[in-house]
């Protein structure tokens, strides 16, 4: 906590640091899943625990209702490891070009899966009940979650629907419907 980092806040004056700068309470509580995706996220990063700044680690609790999903996304600055605490979770990632190989597993309570840094990945509750998992990253600021559907179809201003239709091999009307959702 002695210096500022390019991806984090300035460090606190060491004489002002307290135990609370290294503390978080609440990962035992389910996160809010009342959204269109049925997915909730409780982060524990540098914004919640300032003492994580420069330490190279962060965690989160994720909760998913039945059929709840985290859409394809990327963490540009960290490898991710997920441990299922309750329920079942299908996870997977896709390697870079040219292989674009898809690695996927259905995880049960106690199972662990790792996604290498910067790869497109996803999580989907395939069980009949709620799923909870603990996720950790090897970065104090893992780069947020860039949800690819929102980034592409919800860009402001819009990416050309002609271009998206051509590159996604979709009808332009479908692209425009997707853009309207975001």
Protein backbone atom coordinates (compact mmCIF):
# COMPACT_ATOMS: atom_id res chain seq x y z
CA UNK A 1 0.00 0.00 0.00
CA UNK A 2 2.95 2.30 -0.53
CA UNK A 3 2.41 3.48 -4.10
CA UNK A 4 -0.28 4.11 -6.68
CA UNK A 5 -0.88 1.53 -9.40
CA UNK A 6 -1.97 2.12 -12.99
CA UNK A 7 -5.15 0.10 -12.43
CA UNK A 8 -5.92 1.10 -8.88
CA UNK A 9 -6.45 4.04 -6.58
CA UNK A 10 -3.70 5.98 -4.88
CA UNK A 11 -2.56 4.32 -1.71
CA UNK A 12 -3.54 5.58 1.66
CA UNK A 13 -1.11 7.38 3.90
CA UNK A 14 0.34 4.47 5.97
CA UNK A 15 -0.29 6.36 9.20
CA UNK A 16 -4.05 6.39 8.40
CA UNK A 17 -4.39 2.66 7.59
CA UNK A 18 -6.65 0.64 9.92
CA UNK A 19 -7.71 -3.00 10.19
CA UNK A 20 -10.90 -2.10 8.29
CA UNK A 21 -8.78 -1.45 5.18
CA UNK A 22 -8.16 -5.22 5.11
CA UNK A 23 -11.68 -6.41 6.02
CA UNK A 24 -14.94 -7.29 4.26
CA UNK A 25 -18.06 -8.87 5.69
CA UNK A 26 -20.88 -10.37 3.68
CA UNK A 27 -19.77 -13.14 1.33
CA UNK A 28 -22.06 -15.45 3.27
CA UNK A 29 -25.05 -13.50 1.93
CA UNK A 30 -26.53 -14.26 -1.51
CA UNK A 31 -26.17 -11.47 -4.03
CA UNK A 32 -29.13 -9.91 -5.82
CA UNK A 33 -30.25 -12.13 -8.72
CA UNK A 34 -33.46 -10.25 -9.55
CA UNK A 35 -32.37 -9.24 -13.04
CA UNK A 36 -32.88 -10.49 -16.57
CA UNK A 37 -29.86 -12.81 -16.32
CA UNK A 38 -30.75 -14.30 -12.92
CA UNK A 39 -27.17 -13.64 -11.84
CA UNK A 40 -25.69 -11.70 -8.95
CA UNK A 41 -22.16 -10.66 -8.09
CA UNK A 42 -20.63 -9.51 -4.78
CA UNK A 43 -17.10 -8.28 -5.49
CA UNK A 44 -14.30 -8.03 -2.95
CA UNK A 45 -11.69 -5.96 -4.72
CA UNK A 46 -9.79 -2.76 -4.09
CA UNK A 47 -13.00 -0.73 -3.92
CA UNK A 48 -14.33 -2.87 -1.08
CA UNK A 49 -11.00 -3.69 0.62
CA UNK A 50 -8.46 -0.92 -0.01
CA UNK A 51 -5.74 -3.09 1.54
CA UNK A 52 -5.84 -5.30 -1.58
CA UNK A 53 -4.24 -2.51 -3.62
CA UNK A 54 -1.02 -3.85 -5.20
CA UNK A 55 -1.44 -7.30 -3.57
CA UNK A 56 -2.53 -9.07 -6.77
CA UNK A 57 -5.66 -10.84 -5.57
CA UNK A 58 -9.43 -10.30 -5.46
CA UNK A 59 -12.50 -12.48 -4.93
CA UNK A 60 -16.25 -12.42 -5.44
CA UNK A 61 -19.34 -14.38 -4.64
CA UNK A 62 -21.56 -15.20 -7.61
CA UNK A 63 -25.14 -16.40 -7.33
CA UNK A 64 -27.32 -17.76 -10.10
CA UNK A 65 -30.96 -18.74 -10.15
CA UNK A 66 -31.96 -21.84 -12.15
CA UNK A 67 -31.03 -21.03 -15.77
CA UNK A 68 -29.17 -17.94 -14.51
CA UNK A 69 -26.16 -17.00 -16.59
CA UNK A 70 -23.11 -14.80 -16.85
CA UNK A 71 -22.84 -14.08 -20.61
CA UNK A 72 -19.57 -14.51 -22.48
CA UNK A 73 -17.08 -12.03 -21.04
CA UNK A 74 -13.39 -11.32 -20.60
CA UNK A 75 -11.14 -10.35 -17.69
CA UNK A 76 -8.24 -8.63 -19.45
CA UNK A 77 -5.89 -8.56 -16.46
CA UNK A 78 -6.37 -11.83 -14.58
CA UNK A 79 -6.72 -15.58 -14.57
CA UNK A 80 -9.95 -16.71 -12.88
CA UNK A 81 -10.58 -19.68 -10.61
CA UNK A 82 -14.14 -20.64 -9.61
CA UNK A 83 -15.21 -22.98 -6.82
CA UNK A 84 -18.83 -24.11 -6.60
CA UNK A 85 -20.19 -23.76 -3.06
CA UNK A 86 -23.74 -24.95 -3.79
CA UNK A 87 -25.60 -26.18 -6.86
CA UNK A 88 -24.22 -26.97 -10.30
CA UNK A 89 -22.61 -24.72 -12.85
CA UNK A 90 -21.62 -25.18 -16.45
CA UNK A 91 -18.50 -23.18 -17.20
CA UNK A 92 -16.27 -22.87 -20.20
CA UNK A 93 -13.79 -20.81 -22.14
CA UNK A 94 -12.68 -20.52 -25.75
CA UNK A 95 -9.03 -20.28 -26.78
CA UNK A 96 -7.75 -17.65 -29.19
CA UNK A 97 -7.49 -17.94 -32.96
CA UNK A 98 -6.80 -20.01 -34.90
CA UNK A 99 -7.98 -22.98 -32.81
CA UNK A 100 -10.97 -21.39 -30.99
CA UNK A 101 -11.10 -24.57 -28.91
CA UNK A 102 -13.95 -24.74 -26.40
CA UNK A 103 -13.15 -26.17 -22.95
CA UNK A 104 -16.21 -26.82 -20.77
CA UNK A 105 -17.18 -28.69 -17.61
CA UNK A 106 -20.27 -29.03 -15.48
CA UNK A 107 -19.21 -28.37 -11.90
CA UNK A 108 -20.82 -29.63 -8.72
CA UNK A 109 -20.37 -28.53 -5.12
CA UNK A 110 -16.65 -28.47 -4.30
CA UNK A 111 -15.46 -28.55 -7.92
CA UNK A 112 -12.93 -26.01 -9.23
CA UNK A 113 -12.31 -24.69 -12.75
CA UNK A 114 -9.64 -22.27 -14.02
CA UNK A 115 -9.93 -19.84 -16.94
CA UNK A 116 -6.63 -18.44 -18.27
CA UNK A 117 -6.19 -14.68 -18.49
CA UNK A 118 -7.97 -12.77 -21.24
CA UNK A 119 -10.05 -15.61 -22.72
CA UNK A 120 -13.75 -15.43 -23.48
CA UNK A 121 -15.60 -17.44 -20.84
CA UNK A 122 -19.05 -17.94 -19.33
CA UNK A 123 -21.01 -19.55 -16.50
CA UNK A 124 -24.53 -21.00 -16.58
CA UNK A 125 -26.61 -22.61 -13.82
CA UNK A 126 -27.70 -25.97 -15.21
CA UNK A 127 -29.26 -27.20 -11.96
CA UNK A 128 -32.81 -27.10 -10.63
CA UNK A 129 -31.86 -24.97 -7.61
CA UNK A 130 -29.81 -21.86 -6.95
CA UNK A 131 -26.06 -21.98 -7.42
CA UNK A 132 -23.42 -20.11 -5.40
CA UNK A 133 -19.72 -19.96 -6.20
CA UNK A 134 -16.59 -18.26 -5.00
CA UNK A 135 -14.48 -16.72 -7.75
CA UNK A 136 -10.91 -15.46 -7.34
CA UNK A 137 -8.52 -13.59 -9.64
CA UNK A 138 -4.76 -13.15 -9.52
CA UNK A 139 -5.12 -9.37 -9.69
CA UNK A 140 -6.27 -6.71 -7.28
CA UNK A 141 -8.09 -5.19 -10.30
CA UNK A 142 -9.05 -7.99 -12.71
CA UNK A 143 -10.28 -5.61 -15.35
CA UNK A 144 -13.95 -5.72 -14.67
CA UNK A 145 -16.27 -7.83 -16.68
CA UNK A 146 -16.65 -6.91 -20.31
CA UNK A 147 -19.94 -8.59 -21.23
CA UNK A 148 -19.49 -9.21 -24.92
CA UNK A 149 -23.17 -9.08 -26.00
CA UNK A 150 -23.63 -5.73 -24.25
CA UNK A 151 -20.33 -4.36 -25.54
CA UNK A 152 -21.15 -5.31 -29.13
CA UNK A 153 -24.91 -4.76 -29.38
CA UNK A 154 -25.11 -2.01 -26.76
CA UNK A 155 -22.25 0.20 -27.96
CA UNK A 156 -22.90 3.94 -27.81
CA UNK A 157 -23.05 5.09 -30.52
CA UNK A 158 -24.22 1.90 -32.24
CA UNK A 159 -21.84 -0.21 -34.28
CA UNK A 160 -23.20 -0.31 -37.82
CA UNK A 161 -25.97 -2.91 -38.06
CA UNK A 162 -24.86 -3.63 -41.64
CA UNK A 163 -21.37 -4.42 -40.39
CA UNK A 164 -22.60 -6.58 -37.49
CA UNK A 165 -25.02 -8.46 -39.74
CA UNK A 166 -22.21 -9.22 -42.16
CA UNK A 167 -19.62 -10.27 -39.58
CA UNK A 168 -22.03 -12.31 -37.41
CA UNK A 169 -23.73 -13.84 -40.47
CA UNK A 170 -27.12 -12.56 -39.27
CA UNK A 171 -30.03 -10.79 -40.88
CA UNK A 172 -29.79 -7.02 -40.34
CA UNK A 173 -33.23 -7.05 -38.69
CA UNK A 174 -32.01 -9.50 -36.04
CA UNK A 175 -29.00 -7.28 -35.32
CA UNK A 176 -31.28 -4.25 -34.95
CA UNK A 177 -33.52 -6.23 -32.55
CA UNK A 178 -30.47 -7.16 -30.50
CA UNK A 179 -29.28 -3.55 -30.45
CA UNK A 180 -32.72 -2.44 -29.24
CA UNK A 181 -32.46 -4.81 -26.26
CA UNK A 182 -29.40 -2.95 -25.00
